[in-house]
């Protein structure tokens, strides 16, 4: 199953952003809105999000092509959802705050981040 999911993600990276909706179950447009609402650009430079772009966290351009999330987890939709919902559960000393995203918001944010190739 993990191999199938990885294959889907690799193949989806070659297509449009809409290819990520089935893999994440999220909506990239709603994810972009959630990213704005939660102020993610205060710490990250995020393509497509109008903000000065923070320098605390890593820039998120090309996120779809990254191998790891937070230097800890393989880059999969499930792991990304876990990370954006509660990063301290994965990396106790991360500077990334737990923002209180719902499961749906986490899926939507993941869907948007996977459009950043």
N, C-alpha and C. Protein backbone atom coordinates (compact mmCIF):
# COMPACT_ATOMS: atom_id res chain seq x y z
N UNK A 1 0.82 -1.19 0.00
CA UNK A 1 0.00 0.00 0.00
C UNK A 1 0.87 1.26 0.00
N UNK A 2 1.93 1.28 0.82
CA UNK A 2 2.81 2.45 0.86
C UNK A 2 3.49 2.66 -0.48
N UNK A 3 3.87 1.56 -1.14
CA UNK A 3 4.50 1.65 -2.45
C UNK A 3 3.53 2.24 -3.47
N UNK A 4 2.28 1.84 -3.41
CA UNK A 4 1.27 2.37 -4.31
C UNK A 4 1.09 3.86 -4.09
N UNK A 5 1.00 4.28 -2.82
CA UNK A 5 0.83 5.69 -2.51
C UNK A 5 2.03 6.49 -2.99
N UNK A 6 3.24 5.98 -2.76
CA UNK A 6 4.44 6.67 -3.22
C UNK A 6 4.43 6.81 -4.74
N UNK A 7 4.02 5.77 -5.42
CA UNK A 7 3.95 5.81 -6.89
C UNK A 7 2.95 6.86 -7.35
N UNK A 8 1.81 6.91 -6.70
CA UNK A 8 0.80 7.91 -7.04
C UNK A 8 1.35 9.31 -6.85
N UNK A 9 2.06 9.54 -5.73
CA UNK A 9 2.62 10.87 -5.48
C UNK A 9 3.66 11.24 -6.53
N UNK A 10 4.51 10.31 -6.89
CA UNK A 10 5.53 10.59 -7.90
C UNK A 10 4.88 10.91 -9.24
N UNK A 11 3.90 10.13 -9.63
CA UNK A 11 3.22 10.39 -10.89
C UNK A 11 2.44 11.69 -10.84
N UNK A 12 1.85 11.99 -9.71
CA UNK A 12 1.08 13.22 -9.57
C UNK A 12 1.97 14.45 -9.67
N UNK A 13 3.22 14.32 -9.26
CA UNK A 13 4.14 15.45 -9.33
C UNK A 13 4.36 15.90 -10.77
N UNK A 14 4.09 15.03 -11.71
CA UNK A 14 4.26 15.36 -13.12
C UNK A 14 3.05 16.08 -13.70
N UNK A 15 1.94 16.10 -12.98
CA UNK A 15 0.72 16.69 -13.51
C UNK A 15 0.38 18.01 -12.87
N UNK A 16 -0.87 18.40 -12.98
CA UNK A 16 -1.32 19.67 -12.44
C UNK A 16 -1.60 19.55 -10.95
N UNK A 17 -1.87 20.69 -10.31
CA UNK A 17 -2.13 20.70 -8.88
C UNK A 17 -3.39 19.92 -8.53
N UNK A 18 -4.33 19.79 -9.45
CA UNK A 18 -5.56 19.07 -9.16
C UNK A 18 -5.32 17.59 -8.97
N UNK A 19 -4.20 17.08 -9.45
CA UNK A 19 -3.87 15.66 -9.28
C UNK A 19 -3.68 15.30 -7.81
N UNK A 20 -3.41 16.28 -6.96
CA UNK A 20 -3.15 16.00 -5.56
C UNK A 20 -4.43 15.89 -4.74
N UNK A 21 -5.54 16.36 -5.24
CA UNK A 21 -6.77 16.30 -4.48
C UNK A 21 -7.14 14.87 -4.07
N UNK A 22 -7.11 13.87 -4.98
CA UNK A 22 -7.43 12.51 -4.55
C UNK A 22 -6.42 11.94 -3.56
N UNK A 23 -5.14 12.26 -3.71
CA UNK A 23 -4.11 11.72 -2.83
C UNK A 23 -4.24 12.26 -1.41
N UNK A 24 -4.62 13.52 -1.26
CA UNK A 24 -4.71 14.11 0.07
C UNK A 24 -6.14 14.13 0.59
N UNK A 25 -7.11 14.12 -0.31
CA UNK A 25 -8.49 14.28 0.11
C UNK A 25 -8.81 15.72 0.42
N UNK A 26 -7.88 16.62 0.11
CA UNK A 26 -8.07 18.04 0.44
C UNK A 26 -8.31 18.89 -0.78
N UNK A 27 -8.58 20.16 -0.52
CA UNK A 27 -8.86 21.15 -1.54
C UNK A 27 -7.75 22.19 -1.50
N UNK A 28 -6.92 22.28 -2.56
CA UNK A 28 -5.81 23.23 -2.54
C UNK A 28 -6.23 24.68 -2.32
N UNK A 29 -7.36 25.09 -2.90
CA UNK A 29 -7.83 26.47 -2.73
C UNK A 29 -8.18 26.75 -1.27
N UNK A 30 -8.88 25.82 -0.64
CA UNK A 30 -9.20 25.98 0.79
C UNK A 30 -7.93 25.93 1.63
N UNK A 31 -6.95 25.14 1.19
CA UNK A 31 -5.68 25.08 1.91
C UNK A 31 -4.94 26.40 1.88
N UNK A 32 -4.95 27.05 0.72
CA UNK A 32 -4.33 28.37 0.59
C UNK A 32 -5.02 29.36 1.52
N UNK A 33 -6.35 29.29 1.59
CA UNK A 33 -7.10 30.16 2.51
C UNK A 33 -6.72 29.88 3.96
N UNK A 34 -6.58 28.61 4.32
CA UNK A 34 -6.20 28.24 5.69
C UNK A 34 -4.79 28.73 6.00
N UNK A 35 -3.90 28.62 5.05
CA UNK A 35 -2.52 29.09 5.24
C UNK A 35 -2.52 30.58 5.54
N UNK A 36 -3.35 31.33 4.83
CA UNK A 36 -3.47 32.77 5.09
C UNK A 36 -4.08 33.03 6.48
N UNK A 37 -5.17 32.32 6.76
CA UNK A 37 -5.89 32.53 8.02
C UNK A 37 -5.03 32.22 9.25
N UNK A 38 -4.22 31.18 9.16
CA UNK A 38 -3.39 30.78 10.30
C UNK A 38 -2.05 31.51 10.34
N UNK A 39 -1.79 32.36 9.36
CA UNK A 39 -0.57 33.18 9.38
C UNK A 39 0.71 32.41 9.14
N UNK A 40 0.64 31.34 8.35
CA UNK A 40 1.82 30.50 8.10
C UNK A 40 2.96 31.28 7.45
N UNK A 41 2.61 32.32 6.68
CA UNK A 41 3.64 33.10 5.99
C UNK A 41 4.39 34.03 6.95
N UNK A 42 4.01 34.07 8.20
CA UNK A 42 4.79 34.82 9.18
C UNK A 42 6.13 34.12 9.41
N UNK A 43 6.17 32.82 9.21
CA UNK A 43 7.40 32.05 9.43
C UNK A 43 7.98 31.44 8.15
N UNK A 44 7.13 31.22 7.14
CA UNK A 44 7.56 30.56 5.91
C UNK A 44 7.37 31.47 4.70
N UNK A 45 8.25 31.35 3.73
CA UNK A 45 8.04 31.95 2.42
C UNK A 45 7.24 30.92 1.62
N UNK A 46 6.02 31.28 1.23
CA UNK A 46 5.11 30.33 0.58
C UNK A 46 4.66 30.89 -0.76
N UNK A 47 5.09 30.29 -1.86
CA UNK A 47 4.67 30.76 -3.17
C UNK A 47 3.14 30.81 -3.30
N UNK A 48 2.67 31.89 -3.88
CA UNK A 48 1.23 32.04 -4.10
C UNK A 48 0.49 32.67 -2.94
N UNK A 49 1.16 32.87 -1.81
CA UNK A 49 0.54 33.50 -0.65
C UNK A 49 1.15 34.89 -0.52
N UNK A 50 0.30 35.90 -0.69
CA UNK A 50 0.77 37.28 -0.64
C UNK A 50 1.10 37.67 0.79
N UNK A 51 2.38 37.69 1.09
CA UNK A 51 2.87 38.07 2.41
C UNK A 51 4.37 38.29 2.26
N UNK A 52 4.96 39.00 3.19
CA UNK A 52 6.39 39.26 3.08
C UNK A 52 7.25 38.00 3.08
N UNK A 53 6.78 36.94 3.67
CA UNK A 53 7.54 35.70 3.70
C UNK A 53 8.50 35.67 4.87
N UNK A 54 8.19 34.84 5.84
CA UNK A 54 9.02 34.74 7.03
C UNK A 54 10.30 33.98 6.78
N UNK A 55 11.20 34.11 7.72
CA UNK A 55 12.50 33.45 7.62
C UNK A 55 12.78 32.53 8.81
N UNK A 56 11.76 32.25 9.61
CA UNK A 56 11.93 31.37 10.76
C UNK A 56 11.93 29.92 10.29
N UNK A 57 10.92 29.54 9.52
CA UNK A 57 10.82 28.19 8.99
C UNK A 57 11.37 28.16 7.58
N UNK A 58 11.51 26.97 7.02
CA UNK A 58 12.06 26.87 5.66
C UNK A 58 11.08 27.40 4.62
N UNK A 59 11.60 27.89 3.49
CA UNK A 59 10.70 28.26 2.40
C UNK A 59 10.02 27.00 1.89
N UNK A 60 8.75 27.13 1.50
CA UNK A 60 7.97 25.96 1.13
C UNK A 60 7.82 25.75 -0.37
N UNK A 61 8.48 26.56 -1.17
CA UNK A 61 8.50 26.32 -2.61
C UNK A 61 9.12 24.96 -2.90
N UNK A 62 8.56 24.25 -3.85
CA UNK A 62 9.08 22.93 -4.21
C UNK A 62 8.75 21.85 -3.20
N UNK A 63 7.78 22.11 -2.34
CA UNK A 63 7.47 21.15 -1.27
C UNK A 63 7.13 19.77 -1.82
N UNK A 64 6.45 19.72 -2.93
CA UNK A 64 6.02 18.43 -3.49
C UNK A 64 7.20 17.52 -3.82
N UNK A 65 8.37 18.10 -4.03
CA UNK A 65 9.54 17.31 -4.42
C UNK A 65 10.45 16.96 -3.24
N UNK A 66 10.08 17.36 -2.05
CA UNK A 66 10.93 17.08 -0.89
C UNK A 66 10.77 15.65 -0.42
N UNK A 67 11.84 15.11 0.09
CA UNK A 67 11.82 13.72 0.57
C UNK A 67 11.28 13.62 1.99
N UNK A 68 11.54 14.64 2.82
CA UNK A 68 11.17 14.57 4.24
C UNK A 68 10.40 15.79 4.68
N UNK A 69 9.64 15.60 5.73
CA UNK A 69 8.88 16.67 6.39
C UNK A 69 9.53 16.88 7.74
N UNK A 70 9.93 18.12 8.02
CA UNK A 70 10.51 18.43 9.32
C UNK A 70 11.79 17.64 9.61
N UNK A 71 12.41 17.12 8.58
CA UNK A 71 13.62 16.34 8.76
C UNK A 71 13.40 15.01 9.45
N UNK A 72 12.14 14.62 9.62
CA UNK A 72 11.81 13.44 10.40
C UNK A 72 11.00 12.39 9.65
N UNK A 73 10.04 12.83 8.87
CA UNK A 73 9.06 11.91 8.29
C UNK A 73 9.15 11.87 6.77
N UNK A 74 8.96 10.71 6.16
CA UNK A 74 8.85 10.67 4.70
C UNK A 74 7.69 11.56 4.25
N UNK A 75 7.88 12.22 3.14
CA UNK A 75 6.88 13.16 2.63
C UNK A 75 5.72 12.40 2.01
N UNK A 76 4.68 12.15 2.83
CA UNK A 76 3.44 11.54 2.38
C UNK A 76 2.29 12.42 2.85
N UNK A 77 1.11 12.32 2.21
CA UNK A 77 -0.02 13.13 2.67
C UNK A 77 -0.36 12.91 4.14
N UNK A 78 -0.36 11.66 4.58
CA UNK A 78 -0.71 11.37 5.98
C UNK A 78 0.29 12.01 6.94
N UNK A 79 1.56 11.91 6.62
CA UNK A 79 2.58 12.49 7.49
C UNK A 79 2.51 14.02 7.49
N UNK A 80 2.23 14.62 6.33
CA UNK A 80 2.12 16.07 6.28
C UNK A 80 0.93 16.54 7.10
N UNK A 81 -0.18 15.84 7.02
CA UNK A 81 -1.34 16.20 7.84
C UNK A 81 -1.00 16.12 9.32
N UNK A 82 -0.31 15.05 9.72
CA UNK A 82 0.10 14.92 11.13
C UNK A 82 1.01 16.08 11.53
N UNK A 83 1.96 16.42 10.67
CA UNK A 83 2.93 17.47 10.97
C UNK A 83 2.23 18.83 11.14
N UNK A 84 1.35 19.21 10.22
CA UNK A 84 0.74 20.54 10.33
C UNK A 84 -0.26 20.60 11.47
N UNK A 85 -0.83 19.48 11.87
CA UNK A 85 -1.77 19.47 12.99
C UNK A 85 -1.05 19.54 14.34
N UNK A 86 0.04 18.78 14.49
CA UNK A 86 0.73 18.73 15.79
C UNK A 86 2.21 18.41 15.60
N UNK A 87 2.99 19.40 15.18
CA UNK A 87 4.40 19.13 14.90
C UNK A 87 5.18 18.65 16.12
N UNK A 88 4.77 19.05 17.32
CA UNK A 88 5.50 18.65 18.53
C UNK A 88 5.31 17.18 18.87
N UNK A 89 4.28 16.56 18.34
CA UNK A 89 4.11 15.12 18.53
C UNK A 89 5.19 14.37 17.76
N UNK A 90 5.71 14.98 16.71
CA UNK A 90 6.71 14.35 15.87
C UNK A 90 8.12 14.79 16.26
N UNK A 91 8.31 16.08 16.44
CA UNK A 91 9.61 16.64 16.79
C UNK A 91 9.41 17.57 17.98
N UNK A 92 9.70 17.08 19.15
CA UNK A 92 9.43 17.79 20.40
C UNK A 92 9.98 19.21 20.42
N UNK A 93 11.16 19.41 19.87
CA UNK A 93 11.82 20.71 19.98
C UNK A 93 11.70 21.59 18.74
N UNK A 94 10.76 21.28 17.86
CA UNK A 94 10.58 22.11 16.68
C UNK A 94 10.09 23.51 17.07
N UNK A 95 10.48 24.49 16.31
CA UNK A 95 10.00 25.85 16.53
C UNK A 95 8.60 26.06 15.96
N UNK A 96 8.15 25.13 15.13
CA UNK A 96 6.82 25.27 14.53
C UNK A 96 5.75 25.10 15.59
N UNK A 97 4.84 26.06 15.68
CA UNK A 97 3.79 25.97 16.69
C UNK A 97 2.67 25.02 16.28
N UNK A 98 1.96 24.51 17.26
CA UNK A 98 0.73 23.77 17.01
C UNK A 98 -0.37 24.83 16.90
N UNK A 99 -0.96 24.93 15.73
CA UNK A 99 -1.90 26.02 15.45
C UNK A 99 -3.36 25.67 15.67
N UNK A 100 -3.66 24.38 15.86
CA UNK A 100 -5.04 23.99 16.09
C UNK A 100 -5.83 23.73 14.82
N UNK A 101 -5.17 23.34 13.74
CA UNK A 101 -5.89 23.03 12.51
C UNK A 101 -6.77 21.80 12.71
N UNK A 102 -7.92 21.82 12.08
CA UNK A 102 -8.79 20.64 12.07
C UNK A 102 -8.21 19.62 11.08
N UNK A 103 -8.73 18.42 11.10
CA UNK A 103 -8.29 17.40 10.15
C UNK A 103 -8.54 17.86 8.71
N UNK A 104 -9.72 18.46 8.47
CA UNK A 104 -10.04 18.95 7.13
C UNK A 104 -9.08 20.06 6.71
N UNK A 105 -8.81 21.00 7.60
CA UNK A 105 -7.88 22.07 7.28
C UNK A 105 -6.49 21.51 6.98
N UNK A 106 -6.06 20.52 7.75
CA UNK A 106 -4.75 19.90 7.52
C UNK A 106 -4.70 19.24 6.14
N UNK A 107 -5.78 18.56 5.75
CA UNK A 107 -5.83 17.96 4.42
C UNK A 107 -5.77 19.02 3.33
N UNK A 108 -6.49 20.12 3.55
CA UNK A 108 -6.51 21.20 2.58
C UNK A 108 -5.13 21.86 2.46
N UNK A 109 -4.48 22.10 3.59
CA UNK A 109 -3.14 22.69 3.58
C UNK A 109 -2.18 21.75 2.85
N UNK A 110 -2.28 20.46 3.15
CA UNK A 110 -1.43 19.48 2.46
C UNK A 110 -1.68 19.52 0.96
N UNK A 111 -2.92 19.60 0.55
CA UNK A 111 -3.24 19.65 -0.88
C UNK A 111 -2.60 20.88 -1.52
N UNK A 112 -2.64 22.03 -0.84
CA UNK A 112 -2.00 23.23 -1.40
C UNK A 112 -0.49 23.06 -1.46
N UNK A 113 0.12 22.59 -0.38
CA UNK A 113 1.58 22.46 -0.36
C UNK A 113 2.07 21.52 -1.45
N UNK A 114 1.29 20.51 -1.78
CA UNK A 114 1.69 19.59 -2.83
C UNK A 114 1.55 20.19 -4.23
N UNK A 115 0.94 21.36 -4.34
CA UNK A 115 0.93 22.06 -5.63
C UNK A 115 2.23 22.83 -5.85
N UNK A 116 3.03 22.97 -4.80
CA UNK A 116 4.26 23.78 -4.88
C UNK A 116 5.42 22.92 -5.36
N UNK A 117 5.52 22.76 -6.65
CA UNK A 117 6.58 21.91 -7.21
C UNK A 117 7.66 22.67 -7.89
